[in-house]
C-alpha atoms as a PDB file:
ATOM      1  CA  MET A   1       2.048  -0.193  14.083  1.00  0.00           C
ATOM      2  CA  ASN A   2       1.417  -0.021  10.388  1.00  0.00           C
ATOM      3  CA  ASN A   3       3.112   2.724   8.531  1.00  0.00           C
ATOM      4  CA  ILE A   4       4.017   6.326   8.051  1.00  0.00           C
ATOM      5  CA  ILE A   5       1.116   7.858   6.156  1.00  0.00           C
ATOM      6  CA  SER A   6       0.359  10.966   4.183  1.00  0.00           C
ATOM      7  CA  PHE A   7      -3.245  11.987   4.817  1.00  0.00           C
ATOM      8  CA  ASP A   8      -5.772  14.051   2.872  1.00  0.00           C
ATOM      9  CA  LEU A   9      -9.450  14.603   3.582  1.00  0.00           C
ATOM     10  CA  GLN A  10     -12.092  16.271   1.428  1.00  0.00           C
ATOM     11  CA  THR A  11     -15.473  17.323   2.795  1.00  0.00           C
ATOM     12  CA  LYS A  12     -19.126  17.012   1.804  1.00  0.00           C
ATOM     13  CA  LYS A  13     -19.996  20.528   2.938  1.00  0.00           C
ATOM     14  CA  SER A  14     -18.321  23.934   3.010  1.00  0.00           C
ATOM     15  CA  PHE A  15     -17.986  26.274   5.980  1.00  0.00           C
ATOM     16  CA  GLU A  16     -20.879  28.264   4.550  1.00  0.00           C
ATOM     17  CA  ASP A  17     -23.066  25.142   4.426  1.00  0.00           C
ATOM     18  CA  VAL A  18     -22.550  24.400   8.135  1.00  0.00           C
ATOM     19  CA  GLY A  19     -22.591  27.915   9.559  1.00  0.00           C
ATOM     20  CA  GLY A  20     -18.885  28.698   9.839  1.00  0.00           C
ATOM     21  CA  LYS A  21     -15.622  27.407  11.262  1.00  0.00           C
ATOM     22  CA  LYS A  22     -17.131  26.612  14.656  1.00  0.00           C
ATOM     23  CA  ALA A  23     -19.107  23.793  13.012  1.00  0.00           C
ATOM     24  CA  ILE A  24     -16.258  21.915  11.296  1.00  0.00           C
ATOM     25  CA  HIS A  25     -17.578  18.681  12.810  1.00  0.00           C
ATOM     26  CA  LYS A  26     -20.698  19.014  10.585  1.00  0.00           C
ATOM     27  CA  MET A  27     -18.819  19.166   7.272  1.00  0.00           C
ATOM     28  CA  GLY A  28     -18.653  15.396   6.723  1.00  0.00           C
ATOM     29  CA  ILE A  29     -16.175  13.213   4.874  1.00  0.00           C
ATOM     30  CA  SER A  30     -16.604  12.884   1.137  1.00  0.00           C
ATOM     31  CA  VAL A  31     -13.219  11.208   0.485  1.00  0.00           C
ATOM     32  CA  ALA A  32     -10.191  10.616   2.697  1.00  0.00           C
ATOM     33  CA  SER A  33      -6.951   9.236   1.288  1.00  0.00           C
ATOM     34  CA  LEU A  34      -3.982   7.611   2.982  1.00  0.00           C
ATOM     35  CA  PHE A  35      -0.653   7.048   1.248  1.00  0.00           C
ATOM     36  CA  TYR A  36       1.263   4.309   3.069  1.00  0.00           C
ATOM     37  CA  TYR A  37       4.924   5.303   2.856  1.00  0.00           C
ATOM     38  CA  GLU A  38       6.648   1.933   3.177  1.00  0.00           C
ATOM     39  CA  ARG A  39       4.117   0.008   1.077  1.00  0.00           C
ATOM     40  CA  TYR A  40       3.827   2.758  -1.551  1.00  0.00           C
ATOM     41  CA  GLN A  41       0.081   2.204  -1.578  1.00  0.00           C
ATOM     42  CA  ILE A  42      -2.934   4.508  -1.504  1.00  0.00           C
ATOM     43  CA  LYS A  43      -6.196   3.631   0.200  1.00  0.00           C
ATOM     44  CA  GLN A  44      -9.325   5.754   0.006  1.00  0.00           C
ATOM     45  CA  PHE A  45     -12.233   6.000   2.424  1.00  0.00           C
ATOM     46  CA  LEU A  46     -15.763   7.345   2.123  1.00  0.00           C
ATOM     47  CA  GLU A  47     -17.854   8.567   5.038  1.00  0.00           C
ATOM     48  CA  GLN A  48     -19.288   5.108   5.667  1.00  0.00           C
ATOM     49  CA  ASP A  49     -15.690   3.886   6.087  1.00  0.00           C
ATOM     50  CA  SER A  50     -14.934   6.366   8.890  1.00  0.00           C
ATOM     51  CA  GLU A  51     -14.427   3.631  11.488  1.00  0.00           C
ATOM     52  CA  SER A  52     -11.785   1.969   9.280  1.00  0.00           C
ATOM     53  CA  LEU A  53     -10.156   5.349   8.615  1.00  0.00           C
ATOM     54  CA  ILE A  54      -9.887   6.110  12.345  1.00  0.00           C
ATOM     55  CA  PHE A  55      -8.489   2.609  12.937  1.00  0.00           C
ATOM     56  CA  GLU A  56      -5.783   3.191  10.301  1.00  0.00           C
ATOM     57  CA  LEU A  57      -4.886   6.563  11.809  1.00  0.00           C
ATOM     58  CA  LYS A  58      -4.690   5.133  15.330  1.00  0.00           C
ATOM     59  CA  ASN A  59      -2.442   2.327  14.128  1.00  0.00           C
ATOM     60  CA  SER A  60      -0.084   4.418  12.033  1.00  0.00           C
ATOM     61  CA  ARG A  61       3.421   5.176  13.122  1.00  0.00           C
ATOM     62  CA  TYR A  62       3.261   8.768  11.926  1.00  0.00           C
ATOM     63  CA  ILE A  63       0.734  10.993  10.127  1.00  0.00           C
ATOM     64  CA  PHE A  64       1.884  13.626   7.647  1.00  0.00           C
ATOM     65  CA  GLY A  65      -0.725  16.112   6.439  1.00  0.00           C
ATOM     66  CA  ILE A  66      -2.025  19.617   5.905  1.00  0.00           C
ATOM     67  CA  GLY A  67      -4.418  21.200   8.385  1.00  0.00           C
ATOM     68  CA  LEU A  68      -4.415  18.281  10.805  1.00  0.00           C
ATOM     69  CA  HIS A  69      -4.558  20.425  13.965  1.00  0.00           C
ATOM     70  CA  LYS A  70      -7.041  23.123  13.094  1.00  0.00           C
ATOM     71  CA  PHE A  71      -9.268  21.291  10.645  1.00  0.00           C
ATOM     72  CA  ILE A  72      -9.061  17.548   9.986  1.00  0.00           C
ATOM     73  CA  PHE A  73      -8.911  16.302  13.584  1.00  0.00           C
ATOM     74  CA  LYS A  74     -11.772  18.653  14.535  1.00  0.00           C
ATOM     75  CA  LEU A  75     -13.855  17.258  11.691  1.00  0.00           C
ATOM     76  CA  LEU A  76     -13.054  13.650  12.630  1.00  0.00           C
ATOM     77  CA  LYS A  77     -14.259  14.303  16.194  1.00  0.00           C
ATOM     78  CA  ALA A  78     -17.766  13.761  14.763  1.00  0.00           C
ATOM     79  CA  TYR A  79     -16.792  10.164  13.964  1.00  0.00           C
ATOM     80  CA  SER A  80     -14.794   9.152  17.022  1.00  0.00           C
ATOM     81  CA  ASP A  81     -14.144  10.088  20.627  1.00  0.00           C
ATOM     82  CA  TYR A  82     -10.526   8.980  20.263  1.00  0.00           C
ATOM     83  CA  ASP A  83      -8.013  11.762  20.960  1.00  0.00           C
ATOM     84  CA  LEU A  84      -6.416  12.079  17.509  1.00  0.00           C
ATOM     85  CA  TYR A  85      -4.219  14.883  18.841  1.00  0.00           C
ATOM     86  CA  SER A  86      -2.343  12.230  20.829  1.00  0.00           C
ATOM     87  CA  LEU A  87      -1.086  10.624  17.598  1.00  0.00           C
ATOM     88  CA  PRO A  88       2.436  11.315  16.291  1.00  0.00           C
ATOM     89  CA  ARG A  89       2.085  13.708  13.379  1.00  0.00           C
ATOM     90  CA  ILE A  90       3.509  16.524  11.320  1.00  0.00           C
ATOM     91  CA  ASP A  91       1.076  19.201  10.232  1.00  0.00           C
ATOM     92  CA  LEU A  92       2.860  20.901   7.332  1.00  0.00           C
ATOM     93  CA  ILE A  93       1.138  24.228   7.849  1.00  0.00           C
ATOM     94  CA  GLU A  94       2.032  24.468  11.535  1.00  0.00           C
ATOM     95  CA  TYR A  95       5.548  23.071  11.080  1.00  0.00           C
ATOM     96  CA  PHE A  96       6.544  25.487   8.331  1.00  0.00           C
ATOM     97  CA  LYS A  97       4.651  28.547   9.576  1.00  0.00           C
ATOM     98  CA  ARG A  98       6.854  28.455  12.678  1.00  0.00           C
ATOM     99  CA  LYS A  99      10.007  27.652  10.747  1.00  0.00           C
ATOM    100  CA  LEU A 100       9.576  30.133   7.893  1.00  0.00           C
ATOM    101  CA  ARG A 101       7.398  32.763   9.566  1.00  0.00           C
ATOM    102  CA  VAL A 102       5.165  33.106   6.499  1.00  0.00           C
ATOM    103  CA  LYS A 103       1.388  32.865   6.456  1.00  0.00           C
ATOM    104  CA  ASN A 104       1.049  30.184   3.772  1.00  0.00           C
ATOM    105  CA  PRO A 105       4.293  28.334   3.025  1.00  0.00           C
ATOM    106  CA  LEU A 106       2.771  25.465   1.039  1.00  0.00           C
ATOM    107  CA  GLU A 107       2.998  26.797  -2.518  1.00  0.00           C
ATOM    108  CA  GLY A 108       6.656  27.710  -2.031  1.00  0.00           C
ATOM    109  CA  LEU A 109       7.452  24.298  -0.554  1.00  0.00           C
ATOM    110  CA  PHE A 110       5.913  22.264  -3.374  1.00  0.00           C
ATOM    111  CA  LEU A 111       7.380  24.520  -6.056  1.00  0.00           C
ATOM    112  CA  GLY A 112      10.827  24.607  -4.437  1.00  0.00           C
ATOM    113  CA  THR A 113      11.082  20.923  -3.531  1.00  0.00           C
ATOM    114  CA  LEU A 114       9.065  19.103  -6.163  1.00  0.00           C
ATOM    115  CA  GLY A 115       9.284  21.635  -8.987  1.00  0.00           C
ATOM    116  CA  PHE A 116       5.602  22.253  -9.608  1.00  0.00           C
ATOM    117  CA  LYS A 117       2.986  24.727  -8.560  1.00  0.00           C
ATOM    118  CA  LYS A 118       0.563  22.806  -6.349  1.00  0.00           C
ATOM    119  CA  LYS A 119      -3.117  23.322  -7.096  1.00  0.00           C
ATOM    120  CA  PHE A 120      -5.006  24.143  -3.899  1.00  0.00           C
ATOM    121  CA  TYR A 121      -8.766  24.189  -4.236  1.00  0.00           C
ATOM    122  CA  ASN A 122     -10.837  26.567  -2.165  1.00  0.00           C
ATOM    123  CA  GLU A 123     -13.017  25.099   0.569  1.00  0.00           C
ATOM    124  CA  THR A 124     -16.156  25.141  -1.599  1.00  0.00           C
ATOM    125  CA  TYR A 125     -14.782  23.246  -4.623  1.00  0.00           C
ATOM    126  CA  CYS A 126     -15.060  19.635  -3.417  1.00  0.00           C
ATOM    127  CA  PRO A 127     -18.385  20.206  -1.603  1.00  0.00           C
ATOM    128  CA  LYS A 128     -19.804  21.472  -4.920  1.00  0.00           C
ATOM    129  CA  LEU A 129     -18.468  18.366  -6.654  1.00  0.00           C
ATOM    130  CA  PHE A 130     -20.010  16.206  -3.929  1.00  0.00           C
ATOM    131  CA  LYS A 131     -23.417  17.899  -4.263  1.00  0.00           C
ATOM    132  CA  SER A 132     -23.333  17.302  -8.014  1.00  0.00           C
ATOM    133  CA  GLY A 133     -22.502  13.611  -7.440  1.00  0.00           C
ATOM    134  CA  ASN A 134     -18.988  13.826  -8.873  1.00  0.00           C
ATOM    135  CA  ILE A 135     -17.290  11.642  -6.261  1.00  0.00           C
ATOM    136  CA  ASN A 136     -14.775  10.295  -8.806  1.00  0.00           C
ATOM    137  CA  GLU A 137     -13.329  13.775  -9.336  1.00  0.00           C
ATOM    138  CA  ILE A 138     -12.980  14.189  -5.556  1.00  0.00           C
ATOM    139  CA  ARG A 139     -11.216  10.813  -5.418  1.00  0.00           C
ATOM    140  CA  LYS A 140      -8.744  12.032  -8.077  1.00  0.00           C
ATOM    141  CA  ILE A 141      -8.077  15.281  -6.206  1.00  0.00           C
ATOM    142  CA  SER A 142      -7.533  13.503  -2.889  1.00  0.00           C
ATOM    143  CA  LYS A 143      -5.290  10.880  -4.505  1.00  0.00           C
ATOM    144  CA  LYS A 144      -3.178  13.610  -6.139  1.00  0.00           C
ATOM    145  CA  ASN A 145      -2.931  15.431  -2.806  1.00  0.00           C
ATOM    146  CA  VAL A 146      -1.544  12.409  -0.939  1.00  0.00           C
ATOM    147  CA  LYS A 147       0.881  11.638  -3.778  1.00  0.00           C
ATOM    148  CA  ASP A 148       2.184  15.196  -3.591  1.00  0.00           C
ATOM    149  CA  LEU A 149       2.444  15.007   0.206  1.00  0.00           C
ATOM    150  CA  HIS A 150       4.297  11.707  -0.152  1.00  0.00           C
ATOM    151  CA  GLY A 151       6.748  13.364  -2.556  1.00  0.00           C
ATOM    152  CA  LEU A 152       7.504  16.142  -0.091  1.00  0.00           C
ATOM    153  CA  LEU A 153       7.787  13.698   2.817  1.00  0.00           C
ATOM    154  CA  HIS A 154      10.050  11.358   0.866  1.00  0.00           C
ATOM    155  CA  PHE A 155      12.368  14.179  -0.192  1.00  0.00           C
ATOM    156  CA  GLY A 156      12.570  15.532   3.364  1.00  0.00           C
ATOM    157  CA  LEU A 157      13.265  12.116   4.885  1.00  0.00           C
ATOM    158  CA  LYS A 158      15.909  11.300   2.285  1.00  0.00           C
ATOM    159  CA  HIS A 159      17.777  14.625   2.390  1.00  0.00           C
ATOM    160  CA  ASN A 160      16.872  16.108   5.821  1.00  0.00           C
ATOM    161  CA  PHE A 161      15.894  19.329   4.070  1.00  0.00           C
ATOM    162  CA  VAL A 162      13.315  20.676   1.636  1.00  0.00           C
ATOM    163  CA  TYR A 163      13.401  23.706  -0.617  1.00  0.00           C
ATOM    164  CA  PHE A 164      11.212  26.776  -0.329  1.00  0.00           C
ATOM    165  CA  ILE A 165      10.731  29.433  -3.006  1.00  0.00           C
ATOM    166  CA  ASP A 166       9.856  32.730  -1.402  1.00  0.00           C
ATOM    167  CA  PRO A 167       7.554  35.390  -2.915  1.00  0.00           C
ATOM    168  CA  LYS A 168      10.585  37.088  -4.531  1.00  0.00           C
ATOM    169  CA  GLY A 169      11.495  33.857  -6.324  1.00  0.00           C
ATOM    170  CA  LEU A 170      14.524  33.016  -4.182  1.00  0.00           C
ATOM    171  CA  ARG A 171      15.069  29.323  -3.400  1.00  0.00           C
ATOM    172  CA  TRP A 172      15.955  28.452   0.191  1.00  0.00           C
ATOM    173  CA  LYS A 173      17.214  25.180   1.622  1.00  0.00           C
ATOM    174  CA  ILE A 174      15.174  24.479   4.771  1.00  0.00           C
ATOM    175  CA  PRO A 175      16.440  21.793   7.191  1.00  0.00           C
ATOM    176  CA  VAL A 176      13.748  19.408   8.412  1.00  0.00           C
ATOM    177  CA  ASN A 177      13.827  17.251  11.495  1.00  0.00           C
ATOM    178  CA  TRP A 178      11.601  14.405  10.364  1.00  0.00           C
ATOM    179  CA  HIS A 179      13.333  11.553  12.152  1.00  0.00           C
ATOM    180  CA  LEU A 180      10.167   9.514  12.354  1.00  0.00           C
ATOM    181  CA  GLU A 181      10.183   6.687  14.859  1.00  0.00           C
ATOM    182  CA  LYS A 182      10.562   3.291  13.189  1.00  0.00           C
END
């Protein structure tokens, strides 16, 4: 097994382009990024590299990402029959929605733990960049996303907690159970 990875994926098409959320598998990969925790290295993949991307995911010790369950793994089904849901993973949205009982905990987690307001692009931003041929900007966005995920993961692994700033501005210490198998 390779590594613990932080994972980000940006698409070629928006939900509107493919006819809604039931057609996630048609959205396509524009750029996917993996941040290898132990090697402190980022690797990026384009759609034509999907086989290599799936190989890296299958051979990772743990996957850390946003929207893995309801979005990314559904999209990757178009590229592989492998059951990605069988892989060890932490989906930040699912993990913290249950723990904090808030609809979208991500902004509060990045602000509380890493001290900055995370920029989240809407689902049409990167597809528009892709259509205009601006793949380098998508690469930058995806690279920044995995670096930020790595920062949150690293903090949580080191301290066994993260911080969350709630909508009222209060900072909460949230225990995390990220004892990832070595």
